[in-house]
Amino acid sequence: MDWQYQLDFQVRDYELDLLGMVNNGVYQGYLEHCRHEFLKDIGLDFASLHRQGIRLVVTRAELDYKQILTSGDRFTVFLNFRRQSRARFLFEQEIRRSDGVLVLEAKIIGTALNERGRPKIPQELKACFAPEALSTPNPVE
């Protein structure tokens, strides 16, 4: 698959559970950090949107765990971003260890809410759905 964005990580010891592997909830943090960095790279600041009364929220998260990560593992989170419907957008994501092994596949669906809690995709985000707006300084080659 061709990916629009990627971000490298390394497992830190405090992210492990008693079994010595990354706790399942920590993976969502990896995915979210990658999404936030992607949005910043395409010119959308999550915090700035929030101050304007626009809340980007996750409405559905589908995670399929394939392998585990352990202390010191290096890995990459990959991301594709597209509009799913009039009011929703989709992040397709994967986590792969540095040896190429697939660790996790995810589909994260989100929307933007206005101050009254109603779906409203802001113009700044709509502009990002255009193919030319999705080329970032950190593309996957």
C-alpha atoms as a PDB file:
ATOM      1  CA  MET A   1       0.000   0.000   0.000  1.00  0.00           C
ATOM      2  CA  ASP A   2       1.148   3.549  -0.695  1.00  0.00           C
ATOM      3  CA  TRP A   3       1.097   5.625   2.480  1.00  0.00           C
ATOM      4  CA  GLN A   4       0.673   9.394   2.728  1.00  0.00           C
ATOM      5  CA  TYR A   5       2.566   9.704   5.995  1.00  0.00           C
ATOM      6  CA  GLN A   6       4.766   7.772   8.383  1.00  0.00           C
ATOM      7  CA  LEU A   7       6.258   8.384  11.812  1.00  0.00           C
ATOM      8  CA  ASP A   8       8.995   6.387  13.563  1.00  0.00           C
ATOM      9  CA  PHE A   9       8.904   5.350  17.227  1.00  0.00           C
ATOM     10  CA  GLN A  10      10.752   3.197  19.738  1.00  0.00           C
ATOM     11  CA  VAL A  11       9.081   1.266  22.569  1.00  0.00           C
ATOM     12  CA  ARG A  12       9.809   2.682  26.013  1.00  0.00           C
ATOM     13  CA  ASP A  13       9.972   0.362  29.025  1.00  0.00           C
ATOM     14  CA  TYR A  14       7.140   2.087  30.886  1.00  0.00           C
ATOM     15  CA  GLU A  15       4.749   1.173  28.024  1.00  0.00           C
ATOM     16  CA  LEU A  16       5.045  -2.538  28.853  1.00  0.00           C
ATOM     17  CA  ASP A  17       2.631  -4.622  30.859  1.00  0.00           C
ATOM     18  CA  LEU A  18       3.498  -7.413  33.320  1.00  0.00           C
ATOM     19  CA  LEU A  19       4.003  -9.825  30.415  1.00  0.00           C
ATOM     20  CA  GLY A  20       6.796  -7.648  28.985  1.00  0.00           C
ATOM     21  CA  MET A  21       4.890  -6.505  25.914  1.00  0.00           C
ATOM     22  CA  VAL A  22       3.343  -3.172  24.963  1.00  0.00           C
ATOM     23  CA  ASN A  23      -0.017  -2.814  26.672  1.00  0.00           C
ATOM     24  CA  ASN A  24      -2.893  -2.907  24.183  1.00  0.00           C
ATOM     25  CA  GLY A  25      -4.088   0.598  25.146  1.00  0.00           C
ATOM     26  CA  VAL A  26      -0.677   2.120  24.399  1.00  0.00           C
ATOM     27  CA  TYR A  27      -1.097   1.336  20.684  1.00  0.00           C
ATOM     28  CA  GLN A  28      -3.947   3.849  20.512  1.00  0.00           C
ATOM     29  CA  GLY A  29      -1.552   6.502  21.816  1.00  0.00           C
ATOM     30  CA  TYR A  30       0.935   5.683  19.044  1.00  0.00           C
ATOM     31  CA  LEU A  31      -1.823   5.931  16.424  1.00  0.00           C
ATOM     32  CA  GLU A  32      -3.159   9.200  17.844  1.00  0.00           C
ATOM     33  CA  HIS A  33       0.273  10.816  18.016  1.00  0.00           C
ATOM     34  CA  CYS A  34       0.835   9.958  14.359  1.00  0.00           C
ATOM     35  CA  ARG A  35      -2.550  11.475  13.413  1.00  0.00           C
ATOM     36  CA  HIS A  36      -1.793  14.696  15.308  1.00  0.00           C
ATOM     37  CA  GLU A  37       1.644  15.025  13.693  1.00  0.00           C
ATOM     38  CA  PHE A  38       0.111  14.404  10.265  1.00  0.00           C
ATOM     39  CA  LEU A  39      -2.509  17.110  10.815  1.00  0.00           C
ATOM     40  CA  LYS A  40       0.180  19.578  11.912  1.00  0.00           C
ATOM     41  CA  ASP A  41       2.269  18.715   8.844  1.00  0.00           C
ATOM     42  CA  ILE A  42      -0.639  19.505   6.524  1.00  0.00           C
ATOM     43  CA  GLY A  43      -1.246  22.799   8.300  1.00  0.00           C
ATOM     44  CA  LEU A  44      -3.978  21.877  10.787  1.00  0.00           C
ATOM     45  CA  ASP A  45      -3.225  22.504  14.432  1.00  0.00           C
ATOM     46  CA  PHE A  46      -5.451  20.340  16.625  1.00  0.00           C
ATOM     47  CA  ALA A  47      -5.202  22.764  19.578  1.00  0.00           C
ATOM     48  CA  SER A  48      -5.900  25.805  17.398  1.00  0.00           C
ATOM     49  CA  LEU A  49      -9.025  24.178  15.945  1.00  0.00           C
ATOM     50  CA  HIS A  50     -10.184  23.412  19.483  1.00  0.00           C
ATOM     51  CA  ARG A  51      -9.750  27.072  20.475  1.00  0.00           C
ATOM     52  CA  GLN A  52     -11.940  27.997  17.478  1.00  0.00           C
ATOM     53  CA  GLY A  53     -14.710  25.747  18.795  1.00  0.00           C
ATOM     54  CA  ILE A  54     -14.002  22.857  16.441  1.00  0.00           C
ATOM     55  CA  ARG A  55     -13.574  19.489  18.084  1.00  0.00           C
ATOM     56  CA  LEU A  56     -12.029  16.709  16.033  1.00  0.00           C
ATOM     57  CA  VAL A  57     -13.284  13.513  17.622  1.00  0.00           C
ATOM     58  CA  VAL A  58     -12.960   9.790  17.051  1.00  0.00           C
ATOM     59  CA  THR A  59     -16.325   8.115  16.497  1.00  0.00           C
ATOM     60  CA  ARG A  60     -15.059   4.602  15.824  1.00  0.00           C
ATOM     61  CA  ALA A  61     -11.777   2.762  16.288  1.00  0.00           C
ATOM     62  CA  GLU A  62     -11.131  -0.649  14.753  1.00  0.00           C
ATOM     63  CA  LEU A  63      -7.817  -2.235  15.768  1.00  0.00           C
ATOM     64  CA  ASP A  64      -6.596  -5.627  14.635  1.00  0.00           C
ATOM     65  CA  TYR A  65      -3.577  -6.775  16.634  1.00  0.00           C
ATOM     66  CA  LYS A  66      -1.273  -9.061  14.635  1.00  0.00           C
ATOM     67  CA  GLN A  67       2.010  -9.217  16.605  1.00  0.00           C
ATOM     68  CA  ILE A  68       3.464  -7.749  19.782  1.00  0.00           C
ATOM     69  CA  LEU A  69       6.004  -5.047  20.453  1.00  0.00           C
ATOM     70  CA  THR A  70       8.519  -5.378  23.287  1.00  0.00           C
ATOM     71  CA  SER A  71      11.094  -3.201  25.017  1.00  0.00           C
ATOM     72  CA  GLY A  72      13.330  -1.296  22.620  1.00  0.00           C
ATOM     73  CA  ASP A  73      11.515  -2.361  19.445  1.00  0.00           C
ATOM     74  CA  ARG A  74      11.693   0.248  16.723  1.00  0.00           C
ATOM     75  CA  PHE A  75       8.575   0.626  14.621  1.00  0.00           C
ATOM     76  CA  THR A  76       6.778   2.895  12.196  1.00  0.00           C
ATOM     77  CA  VAL A  77       3.173   4.065  12.175  1.00  0.00           C
ATOM     78  CA  PHE A  78       1.827   4.531   8.640  1.00  0.00           C
ATOM     79  CA  LEU A  79      -1.220   6.625   7.765  1.00  0.00           C
ATOM     80  CA  ASN A  80      -3.631   7.357   4.935  1.00  0.00           C
ATOM     81  CA  PHE A  81      -6.305  10.039   5.298  1.00  0.00           C
ATOM     82  CA  ARG A  82      -9.486  10.438   3.282  1.00  0.00           C
ATOM     83  CA  ARG A  83     -13.041  11.580   3.492  1.00  0.00           C
ATOM     84  CA  GLN A  84     -15.446   8.759   4.259  1.00  0.00           C
ATOM     85  CA  SER A  85     -18.766  10.597   4.001  1.00  0.00           C
ATOM     86  CA  ARG A  86     -20.181  14.105   4.156  1.00  0.00           C
ATOM     87  CA  ALA A  87     -19.575  14.294   7.906  1.00  0.00           C
ATOM     88  CA  ARG A  88     -16.827  11.743   8.501  1.00  0.00           C
ATOM     89  CA  PHE A  89     -13.196  11.156   7.668  1.00  0.00           C
ATOM     90  CA  LEU A  90     -11.089   8.013   7.861  1.00  0.00           C
ATOM     91  CA  PHE A  91      -7.546   7.346   8.966  1.00  0.00           C
ATOM     92  CA  GLU A  92      -6.236   3.994   7.775  1.00  0.00           C
ATOM     93  CA  GLN A  93      -3.189   3.105   9.829  1.00  0.00           C
ATOM     94  CA  GLU A  94      -0.656   0.341  10.261  1.00  0.00           C
ATOM     95  CA  ILE A  95       2.130  -0.288  12.715  1.00  0.00           C
ATOM     96  CA  ARG A  96       5.131  -2.224  11.417  1.00  0.00           C
ATOM     97  CA  ARG A  97       8.261  -3.212  13.278  1.00  0.00           C
ATOM     98  CA  SER A  98      11.545  -2.093  11.754  1.00  0.00           C
ATOM     99  CA  ASP A  99      11.967  -5.620  10.326  1.00  0.00           C
ATOM    100  CA  GLY A 100       8.756  -5.084   8.317  1.00  0.00           C
ATOM    101  CA  VAL A 101       6.527  -7.352  10.429  1.00  0.00           C
ATOM    102  CA  LEU A 102       2.923  -6.120  10.596  1.00  0.00           C
ATOM    103  CA  VAL A 103       2.005  -5.441  14.224  1.00  0.00           C
ATOM    104  CA  LEU A 104      -1.379  -3.743  13.945  1.00  0.00           C
ATOM    105  CA  GLU A 105      -3.950  -2.596  11.387  1.00  0.00           C
ATOM    106  CA  ALA A 106      -6.384   0.168  12.316  1.00  0.00           C
ATOM    107  CA  LYS A 107      -9.287   2.123  10.902  1.00  0.00           C
ATOM    108  CA  ILE A 108     -10.070   5.273  12.837  1.00  0.00           C
ATOM    109  CA  ILE A 109     -13.199   7.179  11.854  1.00  0.00           C
ATOM    110  CA  GLY A 110     -13.681  10.725  13.028  1.00  0.00           C
ATOM    111  CA  THR A 111     -15.741  13.813  12.587  1.00  0.00           C
ATOM    112  CA  ALA A 112     -15.569  17.480  13.489  1.00  0.00           C
ATOM    113  CA  LEU A 113     -18.089  18.931  15.911  1.00  0.00           C
ATOM    114  CA  ASN A 114     -19.019  22.574  16.340  1.00  0.00           C
ATOM    115  CA  GLU A 115     -19.533  24.200  19.747  1.00  0.00           C
ATOM    116  CA  ARG A 116     -23.093  22.851  19.891  1.00  0.00           C
ATOM    117  CA  GLY A 117     -21.925  19.280  19.310  1.00  0.00           C
ATOM    118  CA  ARG A 118     -23.168  19.041  15.738  1.00  0.00           C
ATOM    119  CA  PRO A 119     -21.056  17.568  12.940  1.00  0.00           C
ATOM    120  CA  LYS A 120     -19.424  20.274  10.877  1.00  0.00           C
ATOM    121  CA  ILE A 121     -16.292  19.653   8.846  1.00  0.00           C
ATOM    122  CA  PRO A 122     -14.443  22.985   8.770  1.00  0.00           C
ATOM    123  CA  GLN A 123     -13.229  24.426   5.496  1.00  0.00           C
ATOM    124  CA  GLU A 124      -9.599  23.983   6.616  1.00  0.00           C
ATOM    125  CA  LEU A 125     -10.168  20.236   6.902  1.00  0.00           C
ATOM    126  CA  LYS A 126     -12.197  19.960   3.692  1.00  0.00           C
ATOM    127  CA  ALA A 127      -9.273  21.483   1.813  1.00  0.00           C
ATOM    128  CA  CYS A 128      -7.062  18.653   3.074  1.00  0.00           C
ATOM    129  CA  PHE A 129      -9.126  16.040   1.255  1.00  0.00           C
ATOM    130  CA  ALA A 130      -7.947  17.348  -2.106  1.00  0.00           C
ATOM    131  CA  PRO A 131      -5.187  15.079  -3.438  1.00  0.00           C
ATOM    132  CA  GLU A 132      -2.680  17.913  -3.800  1.00  0.00           C
ATOM    133  CA  ALA A 133      -3.223  18.918  -0.167  1.00  0.00           C
ATOM    134  CA  LEU A 134      -2.185  15.480   1.038  1.00  0.00           C
ATOM    135  CA  SER A 135       1.449  15.651   0.028  1.00  0.00           C
ATOM    136  CA  THR A 136       3.377  16.296   3.232  1.00  0.00           C
ATOM    137  CA  PRO A 137       6.979  17.007   4.148  1.00  0.00           C
ATOM    138  CA  ASN A 138       7.173  13.445   5.517  1.00  0.00           C
ATOM    139  CA  PRO A 139       5.793  11.278   2.678  1.00  0.00           C
ATOM    140  CA  VAL A 140       6.405   7.572   2.349  1.00  0.00           C
ATOM    141  CA  GLU A 141       8.601   6.977  -0.656  1.00  0.00           C
END
